[in-house]
Amino acid sequence: MTSSSVNVILHYNGAIIKTKHGSTFVSDSPKVIQLDNKMSLHALKQAIGNKICLPNGKVVNDIYFQLPVSFVGNYGQYRAYILHDDADVMTMFSMFKQVSNLTCLKLYITTTNTPT
């Protein structure tokens, strides 16, 4: 892993559920990938689509990231935030670097059919 890459646990074909610890991402087959922390939102969507081998006619629609908002004892309180633009992507990577006890980012994506 280079200094500009980040390990990511990617959830898709699942759900975002609310628990007593905040938002949790669930899916049957999460994938572990590495992403460059200097990507635009468009490049991030393309890279994720390539990594999970989206079929023709499907594209990444929304990307959510899980961020701890507080820690109490051994438990973290997490919230899910949606990425709307390049500034949100930069903020996500910056916040990840600032939380020293995180070893990877957790993302959840939704997909949609491409317009014909």
Foldseek 3Di string as FASTA:
>chain_A
DDPQKFKEWEAEPFDWDQDPQGTDGDHDDTDIDIDGLQDWPVVVFVVVCVVVVPDPQKTWDKKWWWDFPDDDVPGTRIYIDIDDTRVSSNVVSVRQVVPVPDRGIYMYIYMDGDDD
